[in-house]
Amino acid sequence: MKYPDNIEHLSLLPVDYMGFIFYPKSLRYIAEVLPNRIHSITKDILRVGVFVNENKESLFHTIEKYRLEAIQLHGNETQKFCLDLIKNFPGIKVIKAFSISSPNDFCITEEYEGICDFFLFDTKSPQYGGTGKKFDWSLIDFYEGKIPFFLSGGISMEDVKKIKEIKHPKLYGLDLNSKFEIKPGIKDVELIKEFIEKIKL
């Protein structure tokens, strides 16, 4: 999310988390939006800051400035980095993203068991997420960890039936992005509303 009016419209839907990207190379980079404006709009929705290999000083400053309640780490952040984050901000939710293209990619998640609150499984690419493409969702059957996960990567309206067929006990939520946008950073609120209604049927 990037634009206050769009954020406000989307906040009227039954969404649980709303992501704000603090990665300067992203088309959805949100740094210019006023923190208080975001906080007033999203008071009943968990504000998630998305970061890629951010230094701790900058990360901690942004958490305080935007009063973030969850952090999604999309880079090469270590276990120690996550532990330092939790130590400085007790109660904050930590979501660690992993790029998936084979069963072996789940091995690294074991190092973050007992540290992170959630994992996010996305499509592997040379960039840090944001491909708008799916990975082979059948691969999640190889995930045997205890941490709940978000499914990400090119989810669209056409995937409702396929998502409903996923029976993995640790599937926690869905990360909707590019396939529900009018343009980068502007979500199609009516399309998301339709998706939510169909996924809950």
N, C-alpha and C. Protein backbone atom coordinates (compact mmCIF):
# COMPACT_ATOMS: atom_id res chain seq x y z
N MET A 1 0.85 -1.19 0.00
CA MET A 1 0.00 0.00 0.00
C MET A 1 0.88 1.24 0.00
N LYS A 2 0.35 2.31 -0.63
CA LYS A 2 1.19 3.49 -0.80
C LYS A 2 0.43 4.81 -0.67
N TYR A 3 -0.82 4.84 -1.15
CA TYR A 3 -1.56 6.09 -1.22
C TYR A 3 -2.68 6.14 -0.18
N PRO A 4 -2.74 7.22 0.62
CA PRO A 4 -3.70 7.30 1.73
C PRO A 4 -5.15 7.02 1.37
N ASP A 5 -5.65 7.56 0.27
CA ASP A 5 -7.05 7.33 -0.10
C ASP A 5 -7.31 5.86 -0.38
N ASN A 6 -6.39 5.23 -1.08
CA ASN A 6 -6.52 3.81 -1.40
C ASN A 6 -6.42 2.97 -0.13
N ILE A 7 -5.51 3.35 0.76
CA ILE A 7 -5.36 2.67 2.05
C ILE A 7 -6.67 2.75 2.84
N GLU A 8 -7.26 3.93 2.84
CA GLU A 8 -8.50 4.14 3.59
C GLU A 8 -9.63 3.28 3.03
N HIS A 9 -9.75 3.23 1.72
CA HIS A 9 -10.81 2.42 1.10
C HIS A 9 -10.62 0.94 1.39
N LEU A 10 -9.38 0.48 1.31
CA LEU A 10 -9.11 -0.93 1.55
C LEU A 10 -9.31 -1.29 3.01
N SER A 11 -9.08 -0.36 3.89
CA SER A 11 -9.21 -0.62 5.33
C SER A 11 -10.65 -0.93 5.74
N LEU A 12 -11.60 -0.65 4.87
CA LEU A 12 -13.00 -0.95 5.16
C LEU A 12 -13.33 -2.41 4.91
N LEU A 13 -12.42 -3.13 4.27
CA LEU A 13 -12.62 -4.55 4.02
C LEU A 13 -12.09 -5.38 5.20
N PRO A 14 -12.53 -6.63 5.32
CA PRO A 14 -12.06 -7.48 6.43
C PRO A 14 -10.66 -8.05 6.16
N VAL A 15 -9.67 -7.16 6.12
CA VAL A 15 -8.28 -7.61 5.96
C VAL A 15 -7.60 -7.54 7.33
N ASP A 16 -6.66 -8.43 7.57
CA ASP A 16 -6.02 -8.52 8.88
C ASP A 16 -4.68 -7.80 8.95
N TYR A 17 -3.97 -7.78 7.81
CA TYR A 17 -2.65 -7.16 7.74
C TYR A 17 -2.60 -6.24 6.53
N MET A 18 -1.82 -5.17 6.63
CA MET A 18 -1.61 -4.29 5.50
C MET A 18 -0.13 -3.98 5.40
N GLY A 19 0.43 -4.23 4.23
CA GLY A 19 1.87 -4.09 4.06
C GLY A 19 2.30 -2.76 3.48
N PHE A 20 3.42 -2.25 4.01
CA PHE A 20 4.02 -1.00 3.53
C PHE A 20 5.49 -1.27 3.24
N ILE A 21 5.89 -1.02 2.02
CA ILE A 21 7.24 -1.38 1.59
C ILE A 21 8.22 -0.24 1.82
N PHE A 22 9.26 -0.53 2.59
CA PHE A 22 10.30 0.45 2.90
C PHE A 22 11.62 0.06 2.21
N TYR A 23 11.48 -0.39 1.00
CA TYR A 23 12.63 -0.77 0.18
C TYR A 23 12.70 0.22 -0.97
N PRO A 24 13.68 1.11 -0.97
CA PRO A 24 13.74 2.22 -1.95
C PRO A 24 13.68 1.80 -3.41
N LYS A 25 14.11 0.59 -3.72
CA LYS A 25 14.12 0.16 -5.12
C LYS A 25 12.76 -0.33 -5.60
N SER A 26 11.80 -0.43 -4.69
CA SER A 26 10.47 -0.90 -5.06
C SER A 26 9.61 0.24 -5.60
N LEU A 27 8.76 -0.08 -6.57
CA LEU A 27 7.82 0.91 -7.11
C LEU A 27 6.76 1.27 -6.07
N ARG A 28 6.67 0.46 -5.01
CA ARG A 28 5.67 0.70 -3.96
C ARG A 28 6.29 1.33 -2.71
N TYR A 29 7.46 1.85 -2.84
CA TYR A 29 8.17 2.48 -1.72
C TYR A 29 7.31 3.58 -1.11
N ILE A 30 7.14 3.54 0.21
CA ILE A 30 6.15 4.40 0.87
C ILE A 30 6.72 5.54 1.69
N ALA A 31 8.00 5.76 1.66
CA ALA A 31 8.67 6.67 2.59
C ALA A 31 8.07 8.07 2.65
N GLU A 32 7.45 8.54 1.57
CA GLU A 32 6.98 9.93 1.56
C GLU A 32 5.61 10.12 2.22
N VAL A 33 4.94 9.04 2.60
CA VAL A 33 3.62 9.15 3.19
C VAL A 33 3.72 9.45 4.69
N LEU A 34 2.87 10.33 5.18
CA LEU A 34 2.92 10.76 6.57
C LEU A 34 2.54 9.62 7.52
N PRO A 35 3.38 9.32 8.50
CA PRO A 35 3.12 8.21 9.43
C PRO A 35 1.79 8.33 10.17
N ASN A 36 1.47 9.52 10.65
CA ASN A 36 0.23 9.69 11.41
C ASN A 36 -1.01 9.42 10.57
N ARG A 37 -0.92 9.72 9.30
CA ARG A 37 -2.03 9.47 8.38
C ARG A 37 -2.26 7.96 8.26
N ILE A 38 -1.20 7.23 8.13
CA ILE A 38 -1.30 5.77 8.02
C ILE A 38 -1.87 5.18 9.30
N HIS A 39 -1.37 5.65 10.43
CA HIS A 39 -1.80 5.10 11.71
C HIS A 39 -3.28 5.33 11.96
N SER A 40 -3.77 6.50 11.61
CA SER A 40 -5.18 6.82 11.86
C SER A 40 -6.11 5.98 10.99
N ILE A 41 -5.65 5.64 9.79
CA ILE A 41 -6.48 4.86 8.87
C ILE A 41 -6.51 3.39 9.25
N THR A 42 -5.38 2.86 9.69
CA THR A 42 -5.23 1.42 9.87
C THR A 42 -5.27 0.97 11.32
N LYS A 43 -5.95 1.70 12.17
CA LYS A 43 -5.90 1.40 13.60
C LYS A 43 -6.41 0.00 13.96
N ASP A 44 -7.27 -0.58 13.12
CA ASP A 44 -7.79 -1.92 13.40
C ASP A 44 -7.13 -2.99 12.55
N ILE A 45 -6.09 -2.64 11.82
CA ILE A 45 -5.37 -3.56 10.94
C ILE A 45 -3.90 -3.55 11.32
N LEU A 46 -3.28 -4.71 11.38
CA LEU A 46 -1.85 -4.76 11.72
C LEU A 46 -1.02 -4.16 10.58
N ARG A 47 -0.20 -3.20 10.94
CA ARG A 47 0.67 -2.52 9.96
C ARG A 47 1.97 -3.31 9.83
N VAL A 48 2.24 -3.77 8.62
CA VAL A 48 3.43 -4.58 8.36
C VAL A 48 4.43 -3.77 7.54
N GLY A 49 5.62 -3.61 8.06
CA GLY A 49 6.68 -2.97 7.31
C GLY A 49 7.50 -4.01 6.58
N VAL A 50 7.69 -3.83 5.29
CA VAL A 50 8.45 -4.78 4.48
C VAL A 50 9.84 -4.21 4.21
N PHE A 51 10.88 -4.96 4.58
CA PHE A 51 12.25 -4.48 4.47
C PHE A 51 13.13 -5.50 3.77
N VAL A 52 14.18 -5.00 3.12
CA VAL A 52 15.15 -5.86 2.45
C VAL A 52 16.55 -5.46 2.89
N ASN A 53 17.17 -6.29 3.71
CA ASN A 53 18.55 -6.05 4.16
C ASN A 53 18.76 -4.64 4.72
N GLU A 54 17.80 -4.18 5.49
CA GLU A 54 17.88 -2.85 6.09
C GLU A 54 18.83 -2.89 7.29
N ASN A 55 19.60 -1.81 7.49
CA ASN A 55 20.45 -1.78 8.68
C ASN A 55 19.58 -1.55 9.91
N LYS A 56 20.04 -2.02 11.05
CA LYS A 56 19.22 -2.02 12.26
C LYS A 56 18.80 -0.62 12.69
N GLU A 57 19.72 0.32 12.62
CA GLU A 57 19.40 1.68 13.08
C GLU A 57 18.24 2.26 12.28
N SER A 58 18.29 2.11 10.97
CA SER A 58 17.23 2.61 10.11
C SER A 58 15.94 1.85 10.32
N LEU A 59 16.05 0.54 10.47
CA LEU A 59 14.86 -0.30 10.70
C LEU A 59 14.17 0.09 11.99
N PHE A 60 14.93 0.19 13.07
CA PHE A 60 14.34 0.52 14.37
C PHE A 60 13.69 1.90 14.34
N HIS A 61 14.33 2.85 13.65
CA HIS A 61 13.77 4.20 13.54
C HIS A 61 12.43 4.16 12.80
N THR A 62 12.36 3.39 11.73
CA THR A 62 11.13 3.31 10.94
C THR A 62 10.01 2.63 11.72
N ILE A 63 10.34 1.60 12.48
CA ILE A 63 9.34 0.93 13.31
C ILE A 63 8.68 1.93 14.26
N GLU A 64 9.50 2.74 14.92
CA GLU A 64 8.99 3.73 15.86
C GLU A 64 8.21 4.83 15.15
N LYS A 65 8.74 5.30 14.05
CA LYS A 65 8.12 6.41 13.32
C LYS A 65 6.73 6.04 12.79
N TYR A 66 6.60 4.83 12.25
CA TYR A 66 5.34 4.41 11.65
C TYR A 66 4.52 3.52 12.57
N ARG A 67 5.02 3.28 13.77
CA ARG A 67 4.33 2.45 14.76
C ARG A 67 3.93 1.11 14.13
N LEU A 68 4.91 0.47 13.54
CA LEU A 68 4.69 -0.81 12.88
C LEU A 68 4.46 -1.91 13.91
N GLU A 69 3.58 -2.83 13.57
CA GLU A 69 3.24 -3.92 14.49
C GLU A 69 3.78 -5.27 14.03
N ALA A 70 4.21 -5.33 12.79
CA ALA A 70 4.80 -6.55 12.25
C ALA A 70 5.86 -6.15 11.23
N ILE A 71 6.87 -7.00 11.11
CA ILE A 71 7.98 -6.75 10.19
C ILE A 71 8.14 -7.95 9.27
N GLN A 72 8.16 -7.68 7.97
CA GLN A 72 8.39 -8.73 6.98
C GLN A 72 9.79 -8.53 6.40
N LEU A 73 10.65 -9.52 6.61
CA LEU A 73 12.05 -9.42 6.19
C LEU A 73 12.25 -10.22 4.92
N HIS A 74 12.60 -9.53 3.84
CA HIS A 74 12.66 -10.15 2.52
C HIS A 74 14.08 -10.33 2.00
N GLY A 75 15.07 -10.06 2.84
CA GLY A 75 16.45 -10.16 2.38
C GLY A 75 17.17 -11.35 2.97
N ASN A 76 18.44 -11.11 3.32
CA ASN A 76 19.28 -12.19 3.86
C ASN A 76 19.48 -12.04 5.37
N GLU A 77 18.47 -11.57 6.05
CA GLU A 77 18.57 -11.31 7.48
C GLU A 77 18.84 -12.60 8.25
N THR A 78 19.75 -12.53 9.21
CA THR A 78 20.15 -13.70 9.99
C THR A 78 19.21 -13.93 11.18
N GLN A 79 19.41 -15.07 11.83
CA GLN A 79 18.65 -15.35 13.05
C GLN A 79 18.95 -14.30 14.11
N LYS A 80 20.22 -13.91 14.23
CA LYS A 80 20.60 -12.91 15.22
C LYS A 80 19.92 -11.58 14.94
N PHE A 81 19.81 -11.24 13.69
CA PHE A 81 19.13 -10.00 13.31
C PHE A 81 17.68 -10.04 13.81
N CYS A 82 17.01 -11.17 13.59
CA CYS A 82 15.63 -11.31 14.04
C CYS A 82 15.53 -11.25 15.56
N LEU A 83 16.47 -11.90 16.24
CA LEU A 83 16.46 -11.89 17.71
C LEU A 83 16.69 -10.49 18.26
N ASP A 84 17.57 -9.72 17.64
CA ASP A 84 17.82 -8.34 18.07
C ASP A 84 16.57 -7.49 17.87
N LEU A 85 15.86 -7.75 16.79
CA LEU A 85 14.62 -7.02 16.51
C LEU A 85 13.59 -7.30 17.59
N ILE A 86 13.43 -8.57 17.94
CA ILE A 86 12.46 -8.95 18.97
C ILE A 86 12.85 -8.39 20.33
N LYS A 87 14.16 -8.40 20.62
CA LYS A 87 14.65 -7.89 21.90
C LYS A 87 14.34 -6.40 22.06
N ASN A 88 14.47 -5.64 20.99
CA ASN A 88 14.24 -4.20 21.05
C ASN A 88 12.76 -3.83 20.94
N PHE A 89 11.97 -4.73 20.34
CA PHE A 89 10.55 -4.44 20.18
C PHE A 89 9.74 -5.68 20.59
N PRO A 90 9.64 -5.94 21.89
CA PRO A 90 8.90 -7.10 22.37
C PRO A 90 7.45 -7.05 21.89
N GLY A 91 6.96 -8.15 21.42
CA GLY A 91 5.57 -8.19 20.97
C GLY A 91 5.40 -7.97 19.48
N ILE A 92 6.42 -7.45 18.81
CA ILE A 92 6.29 -7.23 17.38
C ILE A 92 6.30 -8.58 16.66
N LYS A 93 5.50 -8.70 15.62
CA LYS A 93 5.43 -9.93 14.84
C LYS A 93 6.53 -9.92 13.77
N VAL A 94 7.26 -11.02 13.67
CA VAL A 94 8.33 -11.11 12.68
C VAL A 94 7.97 -12.15 11.62
N ILE A 95 7.95 -11.71 10.38
CA ILE A 95 7.64 -12.58 9.25
C ILE A 95 8.90 -12.67 8.39
N LYS A 96 9.44 -13.85 8.23
CA LYS A 96 10.64 -14.03 7.40
C LYS A 96 10.24 -14.67 6.09
N ALA A 97 10.62 -14.01 4.99
CA ALA A 97 10.28 -14.50 3.66
C ALA A 97 11.36 -15.42 3.11
N PHE A 98 10.93 -16.45 2.41
CA PHE A 98 11.84 -17.40 1.78
C PHE A 98 11.40 -17.64 0.34
N SER A 99 12.38 -17.65 -0.56
CA SER A 99 12.11 -17.91 -1.97
C SER A 99 12.13 -19.42 -2.20
N ILE A 100 11.10 -19.90 -2.88
CA ILE A 100 10.92 -21.35 -3.03
C ILE A 100 10.94 -21.76 -4.51
N SER A 101 11.77 -22.75 -4.81
CA SER A 101 11.74 -23.34 -6.15
C SER A 101 11.98 -24.85 -6.11
N SER A 102 12.33 -25.38 -4.92
CA SER A 102 12.53 -26.82 -4.77
C SER A 102 12.33 -27.20 -3.31
N PRO A 103 12.14 -28.47 -3.02
CA PRO A 103 11.96 -28.90 -1.62
C PRO A 103 13.12 -28.51 -0.72
N ASN A 104 14.32 -28.44 -1.27
CA ASN A 104 15.49 -28.10 -0.45
C ASN A 104 15.43 -26.69 0.12
N ASP A 105 14.63 -25.83 -0.50
CA ASP A 105 14.56 -24.44 -0.04
C ASP A 105 13.90 -24.31 1.33
N PHE A 106 13.23 -25.35 1.77
CA PHE A 106 12.60 -25.30 3.09
C PHE A 106 13.59 -25.61 4.21
N CYS A 107 14.75 -26.13 3.86
CA CYS A 107 15.73 -26.51 4.89
C CYS A 107 16.16 -25.32 5.73
N ILE A 108 16.34 -24.17 5.09
CA ILE A 108 16.84 -23.00 5.82
C ILE A 108 15.83 -22.49 6.83
N THR A 109 14.55 -22.81 6.64
CA THR A 109 13.54 -22.34 7.59
C THR A 109 13.77 -22.90 8.98
N GLU A 110 14.42 -24.06 9.06
CA GLU A 110 14.67 -24.69 10.35
C GLU A 110 15.50 -23.81 11.27
N GLU A 111 16.36 -23.00 10.69
CA GLU A 111 17.22 -22.12 11.48
C GLU A 111 16.42 -21.00 12.17
N TYR A 112 15.22 -20.73 11.68
CA TYR A 112 14.41 -19.63 12.22
C TYR A 112 13.24 -20.13 13.07
N GLU A 113 13.16 -21.44 13.26
CA GLU A 113 12.13 -22.02 14.13
C GLU A 113 12.34 -21.49 15.56
N GLY A 114 11.27 -21.12 16.19
CA GLY A 114 11.35 -20.62 17.55
C GLY A 114 11.78 -19.16 17.64
N ILE A 115 12.02 -18.54 16.50
CA ILE A 115 12.41 -17.13 16.46
C ILE A 115 11.33 -16.28 15.82
N CYS A 116 10.96 -16.65 14.60
CA CYS A 116 9.96 -15.89 13.84
C CYS A 116 8.54 -16.34 14.18
N ASP A 117 7.60 -15.43 14.01
CA ASP A 117 6.20 -15.75 14.24
C ASP A 117 5.58 -16.43 13.02
N PHE A 118 6.02 -15.97 11.84
CA PHE A 118 5.48 -16.51 10.60
C PHE A 118 6.59 -16.58 9.55
N PHE A 119 6.39 -17.46 8.58
CA PHE A 119 7.20 -17.47 7.37
C PHE A 119 6.32 -17.00 6.22
N LEU A 120 6.96 -16.59 5.14
CA LEU A 120 6.26 -16.25 3.91
C LEU A 120 6.99 -16.94 2.78
N PHE A 121 6.25 -17.73 2.00
CA PHE A 121 6.85 -18.47 0.90
C PHE A 121 6.50 -17.79 -0.42
N ASP A 122 7.55 -17.38 -1.14
CA ASP A 122 7.39 -16.60 -2.35
C ASP A 122 8.15 -17.27 -3.49
N THR A 123 8.01 -16.72 -4.68
CA THR A 123 8.66 -17.25 -5.87
C THR A 123 10.13 -16.84 -5.92
N LYS A 124 10.99 -17.78 -6.22
CA LYS A 124 12.42 -17.49 -6.31
C LYS A 124 12.72 -16.69 -7.58
N SER A 125 13.54 -15.66 -7.43
CA SER A 125 13.94 -14.82 -8.57
C SER A 125 15.22 -14.09 -8.20
N PRO A 126 15.88 -13.44 -9.16
CA PRO A 126 17.09 -12.67 -8.85
C PRO A 126 16.81 -11.46 -7.97
N GLN A 127 15.55 -11.00 -7.97
CA GLN A 127 15.18 -9.85 -7.16
C GLN A 127 14.57 -10.32 -5.85
N TYR A 128 14.22 -9.34 -4.98
CA TYR A 128 13.66 -9.68 -3.67
C TYR A 128 12.14 -9.62 -3.73
N GLY A 129 11.52 -10.72 -4.20
CA GLY A 129 10.07 -10.76 -4.27
C GLY A 129 9.54 -9.87 -5.38
N GLY A 130 8.22 -9.71 -5.38
CA GLY A 130 7.60 -8.79 -6.32
C GLY A 130 7.61 -9.25 -7.77
N THR A 131 7.70 -10.56 -8.01
CA THR A 131 7.75 -11.04 -9.39
C THR A 131 6.36 -11.11 -10.01
N GLY A 132 5.33 -11.25 -9.18
CA GLY A 132 3.99 -11.43 -9.71
C GLY A 132 3.79 -12.81 -10.31
N LYS A 133 4.72 -13.73 -10.04
CA LYS A 133 4.65 -15.08 -10.58
C LYS A 133 4.52 -16.10 -9.46
N LYS A 134 3.89 -17.22 -9.78
CA LYS A 134 3.71 -18.29 -8.80
C LYS A 134 4.88 -19.26 -8.83
N PHE A 135 5.15 -19.86 -7.69
CA PHE A 135 6.00 -21.04 -7.69
C PHE A 135 5.08 -22.25 -7.67
N ASP A 136 5.63 -23.42 -7.75
CA ASP A 136 4.84 -24.64 -7.74
C ASP A 136 4.30 -24.86 -6.33
N TRP A 137 3.01 -24.58 -6.14
CA TRP A 137 2.44 -24.66 -4.80
C TRP A 137 2.42 -26.07 -4.23
N SER A 138 2.57 -27.06 -5.06
CA SER A 138 2.61 -28.44 -4.54
C SER A 138 3.85 -28.64 -3.67
N LEU A 139 4.84 -27.76 -3.83
CA LEU A 139 6.07 -27.88 -3.04
C LEU A 139 5.84 -27.66 -1.55
N ILE A 140 4.80 -26.92 -1.20
CA ILE A 140 4.60 -26.63 0.23
C ILE A 140 4.29 -27.91 1.02
N ASP A 141 3.96 -28.99 0.33
CA ASP A 141 3.75 -30.26 1.02
C ASP A 141 5.05 -30.75 1.67
N PHE A 142 6.18 -30.23 1.18
CA PHE A 142 7.47 -30.62 1.74
C PHE A 142 7.83 -29.82 2.99
N TYR A 143 7.05 -28.79 3.28
CA TYR A 143 7.32 -27.99 4.49
C TYR A 143 6.75 -28.73 5.70
N GLU A 144 7.62 -29.09 6.64
CA GLU A 144 7.21 -29.84 7.82
C GLU A 144 7.49 -29.07 9.11
N GLY A 145 7.71 -27.76 8.99
CA GLY A 145 8.01 -26.96 10.17
C GLY A 145 6.79 -26.66 11.02
N LYS A 146 7.04 -26.02 12.15
CA LYS A 146 5.98 -25.70 13.10
C LYS A 146 5.47 -24.26 12.96
N ILE A 147 6.19 -23.45 12.20
CA ILE A 147 5.83 -22.04 12.07
C ILE A 147 4.76 -21.87 10.98
N PRO A 148 3.67 -21.18 11.27
CA PRO A 148 2.64 -20.92 10.25
C PRO A 148 3.22 -20.06 9.13
N PHE A 149 2.64 -20.18 7.93
CA PHE A 149 3.18 -19.43 6.81
C PHE A 149 2.11 -18.72 5.98
N PHE A 150 2.55 -17.64 5.36
CA PHE A 150 1.75 -16.93 4.36
C PHE A 150 2.15 -17.47 2.98
N LEU A 151 1.18 -17.61 2.11
CA LEU A 151 1.45 -17.99 0.73
C LEU A 151 1.48 -16.73 -0.11
N SER A 152 2.52 -16.58 -0.92
CA SER A 152 2.69 -15.38 -1.72
C SER A 152 3.13 -15.77 -3.13
N GLY A 153 3.14 -14.77 -4.01
CA GLY A 153 3.65 -15.01 -5.35
C GLY A 153 2.56 -15.12 -6.41
N GLY A 154 2.12 -13.98 -6.95
CA GLY A 154 1.22 -13.98 -8.10
C GLY A 154 -0.17 -14.50 -7.85
N ILE A 155 -0.65 -14.45 -6.62
CA ILE A 155 -2.02 -14.89 -6.33
C ILE A 155 -3.01 -13.98 -7.04
N SER A 156 -4.02 -14.60 -7.68
CA SER A 156 -5.02 -13.82 -8.44
C SER A 156 -6.41 -14.39 -8.20
N MET A 157 -7.41 -13.74 -8.79
CA MET A 157 -8.79 -14.21 -8.66
C MET A 157 -8.95 -15.63 -9.18
N GLU A 158 -8.15 -16.00 -10.17
CA GLU A 158 -8.26 -17.31 -10.78
C GLU A 158 -7.79 -18.45 -9.86
N ASP A 159 -7.20 -18.08 -8.72
CA ASP A 159 -6.61 -19.08 -7.84
C ASP A 159 -7.50 -19.51 -6.68
N VAL A 160 -8.71 -18.96 -6.61
CA VAL A 160 -9.57 -19.26 -5.46
C VAL A 160 -9.77 -20.76 -5.27
N LYS A 161 -10.14 -21.45 -6.32
CA LYS A 161 -10.41 -22.89 -6.22
C LYS A 161 -9.15 -23.65 -5.79
N LYS A 162 -8.01 -23.32 -6.40
CA LYS A 162 -6.76 -24.00 -6.10
C LYS A 162 -6.34 -23.76 -4.65
N ILE A 163 -6.52 -22.54 -4.16
CA ILE A 163 -6.16 -22.23 -2.78
C ILE A 163 -7.03 -23.02 -1.81
N LYS A 164 -8.31 -23.13 -2.12
CA LYS A 164 -9.21 -23.88 -1.25
C LYS A 164 -8.85 -25.35 -1.17
N GLU A 165 -8.15 -25.83 -2.17
CA GLU A 165 -7.75 -27.24 -2.19
C GLU A 165 -6.50 -27.50 -1.37
N ILE A 166 -5.79 -26.44 -0.97
CA ILE A 166 -4.59 -26.61 -0.16
C ILE A 166 -5.00 -27.00 1.27
N LYS A 167 -4.47 -28.10 1.74
CA LYS A 167 -4.86 -28.61 3.05
C LYS A 167 -3.73 -28.55 4.07
N HIS A 168 -2.66 -27.85 3.75
CA HIS A 168 -1.53 -27.82 4.68
C HIS A 168 -1.95 -27.18 6.00
N PRO A 169 -1.69 -27.83 7.13
CA PRO A 169 -2.16 -27.33 8.43
C PRO A 169 -1.50 -26.03 8.88
N LYS A 170 -0.38 -25.66 8.27
CA LYS A 170 0.33 -24.46 8.69
C LYS A 170 0.09 -23.26 7.76
N LEU A 171 -0.78 -23.42 6.76
CA LEU A 171 -1.13 -22.28 5.92
C LEU A 171 -1.94 -21.29 6.76
N TYR A 172 -1.39 -20.10 6.94
CA TYR A 172 -1.99 -19.12 7.85
C TYR A 172 -2.74 -18.02 7.10
N GLY A 173 -2.16 -17.54 6.00
CA GLY A 173 -2.78 -16.42 5.31
C GLY A 173 -2.27 -16.28 3.89
N LEU A 174 -2.87 -15.33 3.17
CA LEU A 174 -2.54 -15.09 1.77
C LEU A 174 -2.01 -13.67 1.60
N ASP A 175 -0.95 -13.55 0.83
CA ASP A 175 -0.33 -12.25 0.57
C ASP A 175 -0.76 -11.80 -0.83
N LEU A 176 -1.69 -10.85 -0.89
CA LEU A 176 -2.21 -10.35 -2.16
C LEU A 176 -1.47 -9.09 -2.56
N ASN A 177 -1.09 -9.02 -3.84
CA ASN A 177 -0.38 -7.82 -4.27
C ASN A 177 -0.64 -7.50 -5.74
N SER A 178 0.31 -7.79 -6.61
CA SER A 178 0.30 -7.25 -7.97
C SER A 178 -0.93 -7.60 -8.80
N LYS A 179 -1.49 -8.79 -8.62
CA LYS A 179 -2.63 -9.19 -9.43
C LYS A 179 -3.92 -8.49 -8.99
N PHE A 180 -3.83 -7.70 -7.95
CA PHE A 180 -4.99 -6.95 -7.46
C PHE A 180 -4.72 -5.44 -7.51
N GLU A 181 -3.84 -5.05 -8.40
CA GLU A 181 -3.47 -3.64 -8.51
C GLU A 181 -3.96 -3.02 -9.82
N ILE A 182 -4.30 -1.75 -9.72
CA ILE A 182 -4.60 -0.95 -10.90
C ILE A 182 -3.28 -0.47 -11.50
N LYS A 183 -2.38 -0.11 -10.60
CA LYS A 183 -0.99 0.17 -10.95
C LYS A 183 -0.19 -0.02 -9.67
N PRO A 184 1.15 -0.12 -9.74
CA PRO A 184 1.93 -0.39 -8.52
C PRO A 184 1.59 0.55 -7.36
N GLY A 185 1.16 -0.04 -6.26
CA GLY A 185 0.84 0.74 -5.07
C GLY A 185 -0.62 1.11 -4.95
N ILE A 186 -1.43 0.91 -5.99
CA ILE A 186 -2.86 1.21 -5.94
C ILE A 186 -3.65 -0.08 -6.13
N LYS A 187 -4.33 -0.51 -5.08
CA LYS A 187 -5.08 -1.76 -5.12
C LYS A 187 -6.48 -1.54 -5.68
N ASP A 188 -6.97 -2.55 -6.38
CA ASP A 188 -8.34 -2.58 -6.87
C ASP A 188 -9.21 -3.09 -5.73
N VAL A 189 -9.80 -2.19 -5.00
CA VAL A 189 -10.53 -2.53 -3.77
C VAL A 189 -11.71 -3.46 -4.06
N GLU A 190 -12.43 -3.20 -5.12
CA GLU A 190 -13.58 -4.04 -5.46
C GLU A 190 -13.15 -5.46 -5.81
N LEU A 191 -12.02 -5.59 -6.49
CA LEU A 191 -11.53 -6.91 -6.86
C LEU A 191 -11.10 -7.69 -5.62
N ILE A 192 -10.45 -7.00 -4.69
CA ILE A 192 -10.05 -7.65 -3.44
C ILE A 192 -11.28 -8.05 -2.63
N LYS A 193 -12.27 -7.20 -2.62
CA LYS A 193 -13.52 -7.51 -1.92
C LYS A 193 -14.14 -8.78 -2.49
N GLU A 194 -14.16 -8.88 -3.81
CA GLU A 194 -14.72 -10.06 -4.48
C GLU A 194 -13.92 -11.31 -4.13
N PHE A 195 -12.60 -11.17 -4.11
CA PHE A 195 -11.74 -12.31 -3.78
C PHE A 195 -12.01 -12.79 -2.36
N ILE A 196 -12.09 -11.87 -1.41
CA ILE A 196 -12.33 -12.24 -0.02
C ILE A 196 -13.66 -12.96 0.12
N GLU A 197 -14.67 -12.47 -0.57
CA GLU A 197 -16.01 -13.09 -0.48
C GLU A 197 -15.97 -14.52 -1.03
N LYS A 198 -15.24 -14.73 -2.13
CA LYS A 198 -15.19 -16.05 -2.76
C LYS A 198 -14.33 -17.02 -1.94
N ILE A 199 -13.24 -16.53 -1.37
CA ILE A 199 -12.34 -17.42 -0.63
C ILE A 199 -13.00 -17.88 0.68
N LYS A 200 -13.96 -17.10 1.17
CA LYS A 200 -14.61 -17.44 2.44
C LYS A 200 -15.88 -18.27 2.26
N LEU A 201 -16.30 -18.47 1.02
CA LEU A 201 -17.50 -19.26 0.77
C LEU A 201 -17.30 -20.72 1.18
